PDB file of N, CA and C in Angstrom:
ATOM      1  N   MET A   1     -43.871   7.670 -23.279  1.00  0.00           N
ATOM      2  CA  MET A   1     -45.297   7.692 -23.510  1.00  0.00           C
ATOM      3  C   MET A   1     -45.994   8.163 -22.247  1.00  0.00           C
ATOM      4  N   ALA A   2     -46.999   8.982 -22.393  1.00  0.00           N
ATOM      5  CA  ALA A   2     -47.749   9.489 -21.256  1.00  0.00           C
ATOM      6  C   ALA A   2     -48.719   8.439 -20.736  1.00  0.00           C
ATOM      7  N   VAL A   3     -48.997   8.502 -19.434  1.00  0.00           N
ATOM      8  CA  VAL A   3     -50.000   7.630 -18.833  1.00  0.00           C
ATOM      9  C   VAL A   3     -51.365   8.114 -19.329  1.00  0.00           C
ATOM     10  N   PRO A   4     -52.230   7.218 -19.810  1.00  0.00           N
ATOM     11  CA  PRO A   4     -53.546   7.644 -20.294  1.00  0.00           C
ATOM     12  C   PRO A   4     -54.312   8.418 -19.224  1.00  0.00           C
ATOM     13  N   THR A   5     -55.004   9.470 -19.629  1.00  0.00           N
ATOM     14  CA  THR A   5     -55.680  10.344 -18.677  1.00  0.00           C
ATOM     15  C   THR A   5     -56.736   9.623 -17.856  1.00  0.00           C
ATOM     16  N   ASN A   6     -57.331   8.551 -18.370  1.00  0.00           N
ATOM     17  CA  ASN A   6     -58.320   7.828 -17.573  1.00  0.00           C
ATOM     18  C   ASN A   6     -57.667   7.075 -16.404  1.00  0.00           C
ATOM     19  N   LEU A   7     -56.341   6.887 -16.456  1.00  0.00           N
ATOM     20  CA  LEU A   7     -55.637   6.248 -15.354  1.00  0.00           C
ATOM     21  C   LEU A   7     -55.084   7.262 -14.353  1.00  0.00           C
ATOM     22  N   THR A   8     -55.161   8.542 -14.673  1.00  0.00           N
ATOM     23  CA  THR A   8     -54.709   9.595 -13.766  1.00  0.00           C
ATOM     24  C   THR A   8     -55.849  10.599 -13.578  1.00  0.00           C
ATOM     25  N   PRO A   9     -56.888  10.209 -12.817  1.00  0.00           N
ATOM     26  CA  PRO A   9     -58.091  11.016 -12.730  1.00  0.00           C
ATOM     27  C   PRO A   9     -58.002  12.230 -11.811  1.00  0.00           C
ATOM     28  N   MET A  10     -56.863  12.456 -11.164  1.00  0.00           N
ATOM     29  CA  MET A  10     -56.743  13.597 -10.267  1.00  0.00           C
ATOM     30  C   MET A  10     -55.394  14.261 -10.483  1.00  0.00           C
ATOM     31  N   THR A  11     -55.115  15.294  -9.722  1.00  0.00           N
ATOM     32  CA  THR A  11     -53.825  15.970  -9.788  1.00  0.00           C
ATOM     33  C   THR A  11     -53.248  16.089  -8.391  1.00  0.00           C
ATOM     34  N   CYS A  12     -51.945  16.355  -8.354  1.00  0.00           N
ATOM     35  CA  CYS A  12     -51.268  16.588  -7.081  1.00  0.00           C
ATOM     36  C   CYS A  12     -50.324  17.773  -7.247  1.00  0.00           C
ATOM     37  N   ASP A  13     -49.913  18.322  -6.110  1.00  0.00           N
ATOM     38  CA  ASP A  13     -48.892  19.357  -6.086  1.00  0.00           C
ATOM     39  C   ASP A  13     -47.655  18.761  -5.425  1.00  0.00           C
ATOM     40  N   VAL A  14     -46.482  19.087  -5.962  1.00  0.00           N
ATOM     41  CA  VAL A  14     -45.212  18.575  -5.451  1.00  0.00           C
ATOM     42  C   VAL A  14     -44.445  19.732  -4.819  1.00  0.00           C
ATOM     43  N   PHE A  15     -44.036  19.559  -3.565  1.00  0.00           N
ATOM     44  CA  PHE A  15     -43.278  20.568  -2.837  1.00  0.00           C
ATOM     45  C   PHE A  15     -41.866  20.044  -2.596  1.00  0.00           C
ATOM     46  N   ARG A  16     -40.872  20.864  -2.899  1.00  0.00           N
ATOM     47  CA  ARG A  16     -39.474  20.478  -2.694  1.00  0.00           C
ATOM     48  C   ARG A  16     -38.761  21.646  -2.050  1.00  0.00           C
ATOM     49  N   PRO A  17     -38.173  21.435  -0.882  1.00  0.00           N
ATOM     50  CA  PRO A  17     -38.136  20.225  -0.076  1.00  0.00           C
ATOM     51  C   PRO A  17     -39.450  20.041   0.672  1.00  0.00           C
ATOM     52  N   PHE A  18     -39.565  18.924   1.389  1.00  0.00           N
ATOM     53  CA  PHE A  18     -40.752  18.674   2.191  1.00  0.00           C
ATOM     54  C   PHE A  18     -40.982  19.869   3.109  1.00  0.00           C
ATOM     55  N   GLY A  19     -42.220  20.357   3.132  1.00  0.00           N
ATOM     56  CA  GLY A  19     -42.562  21.493   3.979  1.00  0.00           C
ATOM     57  C   GLY A  19     -42.347  22.855   3.340  1.00  0.00           C
ATOM     58  N   ALA A  20     -41.963  22.894   2.064  1.00  0.00           N
ATOM     59  CA  ALA A  20     -41.760  24.173   1.377  1.00  0.00           C
ATOM     60  C   ALA A  20     -43.065  24.976   1.383  1.00  0.00           C
ATOM     61  N   GLY A  21     -42.944  26.282   1.324  1.00  0.00           N
ATOM     62  CA  GLY A  21     -44.105  27.158   1.393  1.00  0.00           C
ATOM     63  C   GLY A  21     -44.949  27.197   0.135  1.00  0.00           C
ATOM     64  N   SER A  22     -44.357  26.876  -1.005  1.00  0.00           N
ATOM     65  CA  SER A  22     -45.120  26.880  -2.255  1.00  0.00           C
ATOM     66  C   SER A  22     -44.709  25.676  -3.094  1.00  0.00           C
ATOM     67  N   PRO A  23     -45.623  25.207  -3.952  1.00  0.00           N
ATOM     68  CA  PRO A  23     -45.312  24.006  -4.734  1.00  0.00           C
ATOM     69  C   PRO A  23     -44.247  24.242  -5.797  1.00  0.00           C
ATOM     70  N   THR A  24     -43.422  23.230  -5.998  1.00  0.00           N
ATOM     71  CA  THR A  24     -42.449  23.234  -7.091  1.00  0.00           C
ATOM     72  C   THR A  24     -43.166  22.952  -8.406  1.00  0.00           C
ATOM     73  N   TYR A  25     -44.123  22.018  -8.360  1.00  0.00           N
ATOM     74  CA  TYR A  25     -44.958  21.673  -9.524  1.00  0.00           C
ATOM     75  C   TYR A  25     -46.407  21.610  -9.059  1.00  0.00           C
ATOM     76  N   SER A  26     -47.308  22.140  -9.860  1.00  0.00           N
ATOM     77  CA  SER A  26     -48.733  22.130  -9.533  1.00  0.00           C
ATOM     78  C   SER A  26     -49.514  21.349 -10.571  1.00  0.00           C
ATOM     79  N   ASN A  27     -50.624  20.777 -10.125  1.00  0.00           N
ATOM     80  CA  ASN A  27     -51.563  20.081 -11.003  1.00  0.00           C
ATOM     81  C   ASN A  27     -50.910  18.978 -11.839  1.00  0.00           C
ATOM     82  N   VAL A  28     -50.072  18.167 -11.194  1.00  0.00           N
ATOM     83  CA  VAL A  28     -49.420  17.034 -11.851  1.00  0.00           C
ATOM     84  C   VAL A  28     -50.445  15.893 -11.933  1.00  0.00           C
ATOM     85  N   PRO A  29     -50.757  15.382 -13.125  1.00  0.00           N
ATOM     86  CA  PRO A  29     -51.717  14.274 -13.231  1.00  0.00           C
ATOM     87  C   PRO A  29     -51.223  13.046 -12.463  1.00  0.00           C
ATOM     88  N   CYS A  30     -52.135  12.417 -11.722  1.00  0.00           N
ATOM     89  CA  CYS A  30     -51.745  11.273 -10.893  1.00  0.00           C
ATOM     90  C   CYS A  30     -52.958  10.423 -10.552  1.00  0.00           C
ATOM     91  N   ARG A  31     -52.657   9.310  -9.902  1.00  0.00           N
ATOM     92  CA  ARG A  31     -53.702   8.454  -9.348  1.00  0.00           C
ATOM     93  C   ARG A  31     -53.203   7.974  -7.995  1.00  0.00           C
ATOM     94  N   LEU A  32     -53.965   8.240  -6.947  1.00  0.00           N
ATOM     95  CA  LEU A  32     -53.600   7.861  -5.589  1.00  0.00           C
ATOM     96  C   LEU A  32     -54.306   6.565  -5.209  1.00  0.00           C
ATOM     97  N   LEU A  33     -53.526   5.613  -4.692  1.00  0.00           N
ATOM     98  CA  LEU A  33     -54.066   4.322  -4.283  1.00  0.00           C
ATOM     99  C   LEU A  33     -53.638   4.022  -2.854  1.00  0.00           C
ATOM    100  N   SER A  34     -54.564   3.598  -2.025  1.00  0.00           N
ATOM    101  CA  SER A  34     -54.237   3.178  -0.675  1.00  0.00           C
ATOM    102  C   SER A  34     -53.520   1.831  -0.749  1.00  0.00           C
ATOM    103  N   ASP A  35     -52.440   1.665   0.028  1.00  0.00           N
ATOM    104  CA  ASP A  35     -51.669   0.427  -0.023  1.00  0.00           C
ATOM    105  C   ASP A  35     -51.090   0.079   1.348  1.00  0.00           C
ATOM    106  N   PHE A  36     -51.814   0.417   2.412  1.00  0.00           N
ATOM    107  CA  PHE A  36     -51.302   0.206   3.763  1.00  0.00           C
ATOM    108  C   PHE A  36     -50.925  -1.245   4.066  1.00  0.00           C
ATOM    109  N   PRO A  37     -51.761  -2.226   3.727  1.00  0.00           N
ATOM    110  CA  PRO A  37     -51.382  -3.611   4.075  1.00  0.00           C
ATOM    111  C   PRO A  37     -50.048  -4.053   3.468  1.00  0.00           C
ATOM    112  N   ARG A  38     -49.778  -3.681   2.218  1.00  0.00           N
ATOM    113  CA  ARG A  38     -48.509  -4.085   1.584  1.00  0.00           C
ATOM    114  C   ARG A  38     -47.346  -3.221   2.045  1.00  0.00           C
ATOM    115  N   GLY A  39     -47.625  -2.074   2.672  1.00  0.00           N
ATOM    116  CA  GLY A  39     -46.575  -1.172   3.126  1.00  0.00           C
ATOM    117  C   GLY A  39     -45.945  -1.571   4.437  1.00  0.00           C
ATOM    118  N   ARG A  40     -46.420  -2.659   5.003  1.00  0.00           N
ATOM    119  CA  ARG A  40     -45.865  -3.151   6.267  1.00  0.00           C
ATOM    120  C   ARG A  40     -44.950  -4.332   5.973  1.00  0.00           C
ATOM    121  N   THR A  41     -43.787  -4.355   6.604  1.00  0.00           N
ATOM    122  CA  THR A  41     -42.837  -5.442   6.353  1.00  0.00           C
ATOM    123  C   THR A  41     -43.218  -6.706   7.115  1.00  0.00           C
ATOM    124  N   ALA A  42     -43.803  -6.550   8.299  1.00  0.00           N
ATOM    125  CA  ALA A  42     -44.222  -7.710   9.098  1.00  0.00           C
ATOM    126  C   ALA A  42     -45.262  -7.244  10.107  1.00  0.00           C
ATOM    127  N   ALA A  43     -46.044  -8.168  10.591  1.00  0.00           N
ATOM    128  CA  ALA A  43     -47.065  -7.826  11.579  1.00  0.00           C
ATOM    129  C   ALA A  43     -46.416  -7.175  12.803  1.00  0.00           C
ATOM    130  N   GLY A  44     -47.007  -6.082  13.255  1.00  0.00           N
ATOM    131  CA  GLY A  44     -46.495  -5.404  14.432  1.00  0.00           C
ATOM    132  C   GLY A  44     -45.406  -4.386  14.154  1.00  0.00           C
ATOM    133  N   THR A  45     -44.956  -4.268  12.917  1.00  0.00           N
ATOM    134  CA  THR A  45     -43.930  -3.272  12.592  1.00  0.00           C
ATOM    135  C   THR A  45     -44.595  -2.038  12.002  1.00  0.00           C
ATOM    136  N   PRO A  46     -43.948  -0.887  12.136  1.00  0.00           N
ATOM    137  CA  PRO A  46     -44.530   0.316  11.540  1.00  0.00           C
ATOM    138  C   PRO A  46     -44.577   0.204  10.014  1.00  0.00           C
ATOM    139  N   ALA A  47     -45.511   0.897   9.426  1.00  0.00           N
ATOM    140  CA  ALA A  47     -45.617   0.893   7.963  1.00  0.00           C
ATOM    141  C   ALA A  47     -44.443   1.632   7.344  1.00  0.00           C
ATOM    142  N   GLU A  48     -43.978   1.159   6.192  1.00  0.00           N
ATOM    143  CA  GLU A  48     -42.949   1.864   5.436  1.00  0.00           C
ATOM    144  C   GLU A  48     -43.579   2.819   4.446  1.00  0.00           C
ATOM    145  N   TRP A  49     -44.810   2.508   4.005  1.00  0.00           N
ATOM    146  CA  TRP A  49     -45.578   3.415   3.169  1.00  0.00           C
ATOM    147  C   TRP A  49     -47.058   3.140   3.393  1.00  0.00           C
ATOM    148  N   THR A  50     -47.885   4.134   3.068  1.00  0.00           N
ATOM    149  CA  THR A  50     -49.329   3.985   3.261  1.00  0.00           C
ATOM    150  C   THR A  50     -50.097   4.063   1.946  1.00  0.00           C
ATOM    151  N   HIS A  51     -49.515   4.704   0.939  1.00  0.00           N
ATOM    152  CA  HIS A  51     -50.191   4.912  -0.333  1.00  0.00           C
ATOM    153  C   HIS A  51     -49.191   4.786  -1.483  1.00  0.00           C
ATOM    154  N   ILE A  52     -49.727   4.604  -2.680  1.00  0.00           N
ATOM    155  CA  ILE A  52     -48.937   4.602  -3.912  1.00  0.00           C
ATOM    156  C   ILE A  52     -49.513   5.674  -4.825  1.00  0.00           C
ATOM    157  N   LEU A  53     -48.630   6.388  -5.490  1.00  0.00           N
ATOM    158  CA  LEU A  53     -49.027   7.407  -6.447  1.00  0.00           C
ATOM    159  C   LEU A  53     -48.524   6.981  -7.822  1.00  0.00           C
ATOM    160  N   VAL A  54     -49.425   6.876  -8.795  1.00  0.00           N
ATOM    161  CA  VAL A  54     -49.062   6.535 -10.167  1.00  0.00           C
ATOM    162  C   VAL A  54     -48.939   7.835 -10.945  1.00  0.00           C
ATOM    163  N   LEU A  55     -47.799   7.997 -11.637  1.00  0.00           N
ATOM    164  CA  LEU A  55     -47.484   9.242 -12.336  1.00  0.00           C
ATOM    165  C   LEU A  55     -46.951   8.975 -13.729  1.00  0.00           C
ATOM    166  N   ASP A  56     -47.028   9.995 -14.558  1.00  0.00           N
ATOM    167  CA  ASP A  56     -46.414   9.954 -15.871  1.00  0.00           C
ATOM    168  C   ASP A  56     -44.898   9.794 -15.692  1.00  0.00           C
ATOM    169  N   PRO A  57     -44.211   9.113 -16.590  1.00  0.00           N
ATOM    170  CA  PRO A  57     -42.762   8.915 -16.421  1.00  0.00           C
ATOM    171  C   PRO A  57     -41.962  10.215 -16.442  1.00  0.00           C
ATOM    172  N   SER A  58     -42.526  11.285 -16.985  1.00  0.00           N
ATOM    173  CA  SER A  58     -41.808  12.561 -17.032  1.00  0.00           C
ATOM    174  C   SER A  58     -41.994  13.395 -15.768  1.00  0.00           C
ATOM    175  N   ALA A  59     -42.855  12.967 -14.846  1.00  0.00           N
ATOM    176  CA  ALA A  59     -43.094  13.723 -13.612  1.00  0.00           C
ATOM    177  C   ALA A  59     -41.828  13.752 -12.761  1.00  0.00           C
ATOM    178  N   ASP A  60     -41.495  14.928 -12.244  1.00  0.00           N
ATOM    179  CA  ASP A  60     -40.299  15.097 -11.420  1.00  0.00           C
ATOM    180  C   ASP A  60     -40.696  14.997  -9.949  1.00  0.00           C
ATOM    181  N   VAL A  61     -40.679  13.778  -9.424  1.00  0.00           N
ATOM    182  CA  VAL A  61     -40.976  13.498  -8.025  1.00  0.00           C
ATOM    183  C   VAL A  61     -39.792  12.716  -7.479  1.00  0.00           C
ATOM    184  N   ARG A  62     -39.268  13.159  -6.321  1.00  0.00           N
ATOM    185  CA  ARG A  62     -38.024  12.571  -5.810  1.00  0.00           C
ATOM    186  C   ARG A  62     -38.173  12.046  -4.389  1.00  0.00           C
ATOM    187  N   ASP A  63     -37.501  10.924  -4.131  1.00  0.00           N
ATOM    188  CA  ASP A  63     -37.452  10.383  -2.773  1.00  0.00           C
ATOM    189  C   ASP A  63     -36.191  10.905  -2.088  1.00  0.00           C
ATOM    190  N   GLY A  64     -36.037  10.563  -0.809  1.00  0.00           N
ATOM    191  CA  GLY A  64     -34.869  11.019  -0.063  1.00  0.00           C
ATOM    192  C   GLY A  64     -34.005   9.880   0.425  1.00  0.00           C
ATOM    193  N   CYS A  65     -34.141   8.695  -0.147  1.00  0.00           N
ATOM    194  CA  CYS A  65     -33.392   7.521   0.309  1.00  0.00           C
ATOM    195  C   CYS A  65     -31.961   7.539  -0.209  1.00  0.00           C
ATOM    196  N   THR A  66     -31.047   7.098   0.655  1.00  0.00           N
ATOM    197  CA  THR A  66     -29.639   7.008   0.273  1.00  0.00           C
ATOM    198  C   THR A  66     -29.051   5.724   0.845  1.00  0.00           C
ATOM    199  N   ARG A  67     -27.845   5.421   0.402  1.00  0.00           N
ATOM    200  CA  ARG A  67     -27.108   4.264   0.892  1.00  0.00           C
ATOM    201  C   ARG A  67     -25.648   4.656   1.001  1.00  0.00           C
ATOM    202  N   THR A  68     -25.016   4.266   2.091  1.00  0.00           N
ATOM    203  CA  THR A  68     -23.602   4.542   2.282  1.00  0.00           C
ATOM    204  C   THR A  68     -22.782   3.502   1.525  1.00  0.00           C
ATOM    205  N   ALA A  69     -21.704   3.938   0.895  1.00  0.00           N
ATOM    206  CA  ALA A  69     -20.842   3.023   0.151  1.00  0.00           C
ATOM    207  C   ALA A  69     -20.378   1.882   1.044  1.00  0.00           C
ATOM    208  N   GLY A  70     -20.485   0.668   0.526  1.00  0.00           N
ATOM    209  CA  GLY A  70     -20.053  -0.509   1.254  1.00  0.00           C
ATOM    210  C   GLY A  70     -21.068  -1.049   2.246  1.00  0.00           C
ATOM    211  N   ALA A  71     -22.226  -0.400   2.348  1.00  0.00           N
ATOM    212  CA  ALA A  71     -23.270  -0.862   3.272  1.00  0.00           C
ATOM    213  C   ALA A  71     -24.501  -1.274   2.475  1.00  0.00           C
ATOM    214  N   SER A  72     -25.261  -2.180   3.019  1.00  0.00           N
ATOM    215  CA  SER A  72     -26.460  -2.623   2.307  1.00  0.00           C
ATOM    216  C   SER A  72     -27.728  -1.956   2.837  1.00  0.00           C
ATOM    217  N   GLY A  73     -27.638  -1.270   3.963  1.00  0.00           N
ATOM    218  CA  GLY A  73     -28.815  -0.644   4.558  1.00  0.00           C
ATOM    219  C   GLY A  73     -29.208   0.640   3.851  1.00  0.00           C
ATOM    220  N   ILE A  74     -30.504   0.888   3.815  1.00  0.00           N
ATOM    221  CA  ILE A  74     -31.028   2.108   3.215  1.00  0.00           C
ATOM    222  C   ILE A  74     -31.334   3.098   4.322  1.00  0.00           C
ATOM    223  N   VAL A  75     -30.943   4.340   4.115  1.00  0.00           N
ATOM    224  CA  VAL A  75     -31.239   5.413   5.054  1.00  0.00           C
ATOM    225  C   VAL A  75     -32.405   6.207   4.486  1.00  0.00           C
ATOM    226  N   TYR A  76     -33.504   6.269   5.245  1.00  0.00           N
ATOM    227  CA  TYR A  76     -34.685   6.982   4.789  1.00  0.00           C
ATOM    228  C   TYR A  76     -34.642   8.421   5.287  1.00  0.00           C
ATOM    229  N   ALA A  77     -34.905   9.353   4.396  1.00  0.00           N
ATOM    230  CA  ALA A  77     -35.008  10.766   4.736  1.00  0.00           C
ATOM    231  C   ALA A  77     -36.219  11.317   3.988  1.00  0.00           C
ATOM    232  N   ASP A  78     -36.651  12.503   4.367  1.00  0.00           N
ATOM    233  CA  ASP A  78     -37.805  13.092   3.696  1.00  0.00           C
ATOM    234  C   ASP A  78     -37.488  13.392   2.240  1.00  0.00           C
ATOM    235  N   GLY A  79     -38.312  12.848   1.358  1.00  0.00           N
ATOM    236  CA  GLY A  79     -38.252  13.209  -0.050  1.00  0.00           C
ATOM    237  C   GLY A  79     -39.203  14.377  -0.270  1.00  0.00           C
ATOM    238  N   ASP A  80     -39.700  14.511  -1.474  1.00  0.00           N
ATOM    239  CA  ASP A  80     -40.651  15.572  -1.772  1.00  0.00           C
ATOM    240  C   ASP A  80     -41.912  15.414  -0.937  1.00  0.00           C
ATOM    241  N   GLU A  81     -42.633  16.497  -0.804  1.00  0.00           N
ATOM    242  CA  GLU A  81     -43.966  16.464  -0.212  1.00  0.00           C
ATOM    243  C   GLU A  81     -44.969  16.486  -1.355  1.00  0.00           C
ATOM    244  N   VAL A  82     -46.001  15.658  -1.248  1.00  0.00           N
ATOM    245  CA  VAL A  82     -47.047  15.609  -2.265  1.00  0.00           C
ATOM    246  C   VAL A  82     -48.380  15.876  -1.572  1.00  0.00           C
ATOM    247  N   ARG A  83     -49.170  16.732  -2.175  1.00  0.00           N
ATOM    248  CA  ARG A  83     -50.521  16.998  -1.668  1.00  0.00           C
ATOM    249  C   ARG A  83     -51.519  16.594  -2.738  1.00  0.00           C
ATOM    250  N   VAL A  84     -52.457  15.754  -2.314  1.00  0.00           N
ATOM    251  CA  VAL A  84     -53.467  15.224  -3.235  1.00  0.00           C
ATOM    252  C   VAL A  84     -54.825  15.521  -2.626  1.00  0.00           C
ATOM    253  N   PRO A  85     -55.747  16.136  -3.344  1.00  0.00           N
ATOM    254  CA  PRO A  85     -55.655  16.594  -4.729  1.00  0.00           C
ATOM    255  C   PRO A  85     -54.875  17.893  -4.835  1.00  0.00           C
ATOM    256  N   GLY A  86     -54.459  18.224  -6.065  1.00  0.00           N
ATOM    257  CA  GLY A  86     -53.733  19.457  -6.310  1.00  0.00           C
ATOM    258  C   GLY A  86     -54.542  20.652  -5.826  1.00  0.00           C
ATOM    259  N   GLY A  87     -53.865  21.618  -5.219  1.00  0.00           N
ATOM    260  CA  GLY A  87     -54.526  22.814  -4.728  1.00  0.00           C
ATOM    261  C   GLY A  87     -55.033  22.692  -3.302  1.00  0.00           C
ATOM    262  N   ALA A  88     -54.976  21.500  -2.724  1.00  0.00           N
ATOM    263  CA  ALA A  88     -55.459  21.294  -1.359  1.00  0.00           C
ATOM    264  C   ALA A  88     -54.338  21.524  -0.352  1.00  0.00           C
ATOM    265  N   SER A  89     -54.707  21.825   0.872  1.00  0.00           N
ATOM    266  CA  SER A  89     -53.685  21.977   1.914  1.00  0.00           C
ATOM    267  C   SER A  89     -53.435  20.649   2.630  1.00  0.00           C
ATOM    268  N   THR A  90     -54.395  19.741   2.581  1.00  0.00           N
ATOM    269  CA  THR A  90     -54.245  18.402   3.147  1.00  0.00           C
ATOM    270  C   THR A  90     -54.995  17.426   2.261  1.00  0.00           C
ATOM    271  N   PRO A  91     -54.761  16.153   2.257  1.00  0.00           N
ATOM    272  CA  PRO A  91     -53.724  15.495   3.045  1.00  0.00           C
ATOM    273  C   PRO A  91     -52.336  15.700   2.444  1.00  0.00           C
ATOM    274  N   ARG A  92     -51.344  15.546   3.304  1.00  0.00           N
ATOM    275  CA  ARG A  92     -49.947  15.691   2.913  1.00  0.00           C
ATOM    276  C   ARG A  92     -49.273  14.321   3.006  1.00  0.00           C
ATOM    277  N   PHE A  93     -48.368  14.059   2.048  1.00  0.00           N
ATOM    278  CA  PHE A  93     -47.628  12.799   2.013  1.00  0.00           C
ATOM    279  C   PHE A  93     -46.147  13.101   1.801  1.00  0.00           C
ATOM    280  N   VAL A  94     -45.276  12.270   2.363  1.00  0.00           N
ATOM    281  CA  VAL A  94     -43.850  12.345   2.076  1.00  0.00           C
ATOM    282  C   VAL A  94     -43.527  11.215   1.101  1.00  0.00           C
ATOM    283  N   VAL A  95     -42.683  11.500   0.121  1.00  0.00           N
ATOM    284  CA  VAL A  95     -42.278  10.489  -0.862  1.00  0.00           C
ATOM    285  C   VAL A  95     -41.176   9.643  -0.239  1.00  0.00           C
ATOM    286  N   VAL A  96     -41.463   8.353  -0.094  1.00  0.00           N
ATOM    287  CA  VAL A  96     -40.522   7.406   0.516  1.00  0.00           C
ATOM    288  C   VAL A  96     -39.600   6.812  -0.550  1.00  0.00           C
ATOM    289  N   TRP A  97     -40.172   6.433  -1.674  1.00  0.00           N
ATOM    290  CA  TRP A  97     -39.406   5.743  -2.715  1.00  0.00           C
ATOM    291  C   TRP A  97     -40.073   5.993  -4.051  1.00  0.00           C
ATOM    292  N   VAL A  98     -39.287   6.117  -5.107  1.00  0.00           N
ATOM    293  CA  VAL A  98     -39.819   6.274  -6.461  1.00  0.00           C
ATOM    294  C   VAL A  98     -39.172   5.223  -7.348  1.00  0.00           C
ATOM    295  N   GLU A  99     -40.001   4.561  -8.158  1.00  0.00           N
ATOM    296  CA  GLU A  99     -39.465   3.595  -9.116  1.00  0.00           C
ATOM    297  C   GLU A  99     -40.099   3.828 -10.481  1.00  0.00           C
ATOM    298  N   ILE A 100     -39.366   3.446 -11.511  1.00  0.00           N
ATOM    299  CA  ILE A 100     -39.899   3.477 -12.872  1.00  0.00           C
ATOM    300  C   ILE A 100     -40.341   2.059 -13.203  1.00  0.00           C
ATOM    301  N   VAL A 101     -41.574   1.921 -13.632  1.00  0.00           N
ATOM    302  CA  VAL A 101     -42.150   0.629 -13.951  1.00  0.00           C
ATOM    303  C   VAL A 101     -42.185   0.458 -15.461  1.00  0.00           C
ATOM    304  N   ASP A 102     -41.800  -0.717 -15.963  1.00  0.00           N
ATOM    305  CA  ASP A 102     -41.752  -1.042 -17.386  1.00  0.00           C
ATOM    306  C   ASP A 102     -40.949  -0.017 -18.197  1.00  0.00           C
ATOM    307  N   PRO A 103     -39.703   0.287 -17.774  1.00  0.00           N
ATOM    308  CA  PRO A 103     -38.909   1.290 -18.481  1.00  0.00           C
ATOM    309  C   PRO A 103     -38.658   0.927 -19.941  1.00  0.00           C
ATOM    310  N   GLY A 104     -38.713   1.934 -20.792  1.00  0.00           N
ATOM    311  CA  GLY A 104     -38.431   1.745 -22.210  1.00  0.00           C
ATOM    312  C   GLY A 104     -39.540   1.090 -23.002  1.00  0.00           C
ATOM    313  N   THR A 105     -40.687   0.882 -22.379  1.00  0.00           N
ATOM    314  CA  THR A 105     -41.812   0.286 -23.086  1.00  0.00           C
ATOM    315  C   THR A 105     -42.932   1.314 -23.211  1.00  0.00           C
ATOM    316  N   PRO A 106     -43.918   1.056 -24.035  1.00  0.00           N
ATOM    317  CA  PRO A 106     -45.058   1.979 -24.124  1.00  0.00           C
ATOM    318  C   PRO A 106     -45.865   2.062 -22.830  1.00  0.00           C
ATOM    319  N   ARG A 107     -45.659   1.107 -21.922  1.00  0.00           N
ATOM    320  CA  ARG A 107     -46.399   1.093 -20.651  1.00  0.00           C
ATOM    321  C   ARG A 107     -45.637   1.769 -19.519  1.00  0.00           C
ATOM    322  N   GLU A 108     -44.518   2.410 -19.796  1.00  0.00           N
ATOM    323  CA  GLU A 108     -43.682   3.014 -18.762  1.00  0.00           C
ATOM    324  C   GLU A 108     -44.449   4.043 -17.928  1.00  0.00           C
ATOM    325  N   PHE A 109     -44.258   3.983 -16.594  1.00  0.00           N
ATOM    326  CA  PHE A 109     -44.811   4.987 -15.691  1.00  0.00           C
ATOM    327  C   PHE A 109     -43.991   5.002 -14.409  1.00  0.00           C
ATOM    328  N   LYS A 110     -44.215   6.022 -13.581  1.00  0.00           N
ATOM    329  CA  LYS A 110     -43.550   6.106 -12.289  1.00  0.00           C
ATOM    330  C   LYS A 110     -44.522   5.686 -11.207  1.00  0.00           C
ATOM    331  N   ARG A 111     -43.969   5.008 -10.194  1.00  0.00           N
ATOM    332  CA  ARG A 111     -44.738   4.643  -9.015  1.00  0.00           C
ATOM    333  C   ARG A 111     -43.996   5.245  -7.821  1.00  0.00           C
ATOM    334  N   ALA A 112     -44.681   6.111  -7.069  1.00  0.00           N
ATOM    335  CA  ALA A 112     -44.101   6.717  -5.885  1.00  0.00           C
ATOM    336  C   ALA A 112     -44.775   6.136  -4.652  1.00  0.00           C
ATOM    337  N   TYR A 113     -43.976   5.640  -3.735  1.00  0.00           N
ATOM    338  CA  TYR A 113     -44.480   5.106  -2.471  1.00  0.00           C
ATOM    339  C   TYR A 113     -44.519   6.257  -1.478  1.00  0.00           C
ATOM    340  N   LEU A 114     -45.661   6.454  -0.835  1.00  0.00           N
ATOM    341  CA  LEU A 114     -45.876   7.604   0.031  1.00  0.00           C
ATOM    342  C   LEU A 114     -46.193   7.194   1.465  1.00  0.00           C
ATOM    343  N   MET A 115     -45.845   8.049   2.405  1.00  0.00           N
ATOM    344  CA  MET A 115     -46.252   7.901   3.805  1.00  0.00           C
ATOM    345  C   MET A 115     -47.088   9.125   4.146  1.00  0.00           C
ATOM    346  N   ARG A 116     -48.301   8.866   4.631  1.00  0.00           N
ATOM    347  CA  ARG A 116     -49.172   9.984   4.983  1.00  0.00           C
ATOM    348  C   ARG A 116     -48.583  10.726   6.165  1.00  0.00           C
ATOM    349  N   HIS A 117     -48.592  12.056   6.070  1.00  0.00           N
ATOM    350  CA  HIS A 117     -48.005  12.916   7.110  1.00  0.00           C
ATOM    351  C   HIS A 117     -49.123  13.531   7.936  1.00  0.00           C
ATOM    352  N   GLN A 118     -49.027  13.383   9.225  1.00  0.00           N
ATOM    353  CA  GLN A 118     -49.972  14.022  10.130  1.00  0.00           C
ATOM    354  C   GLN A 118     -49.243  15.123  10.874  1.00  0.00           C
ATOM    355  N   ALA A 119     -49.725  16.342  10.733  1.00  0.00           N
ATOM    356  CA  ALA A 119     -49.058  17.478  11.409  1.00  0.00           C
ATOM    357  C   ALA A 119     -49.523  17.607  12.832  1.00  0.00           C
TER     358      ALA A 119
END
């Protein structure tokens, strides 16, 4: 099921890989939310994410996180680059993590955790 259009009032462009010269997908419906306080693991530590992007479950947005077999630690790498609003040159965000929320239900959607990129 698609996310209702009133919940995705803007669009974004997705670049793969991060820093690509042209978008892989343009005008993807989305909703950008600031989430800096929750993106910090503890006081005094760097943020793990600064924003959340709500997307339709069919949107192709990818993170760059991996895990080595037998280890519990996550290795963070650059995922896709997202520019909000679509068609803009800034601001730029790197996709840190992507999750599917309420899978298999009529409320299913994707949530992408983003880190704002400063060039």
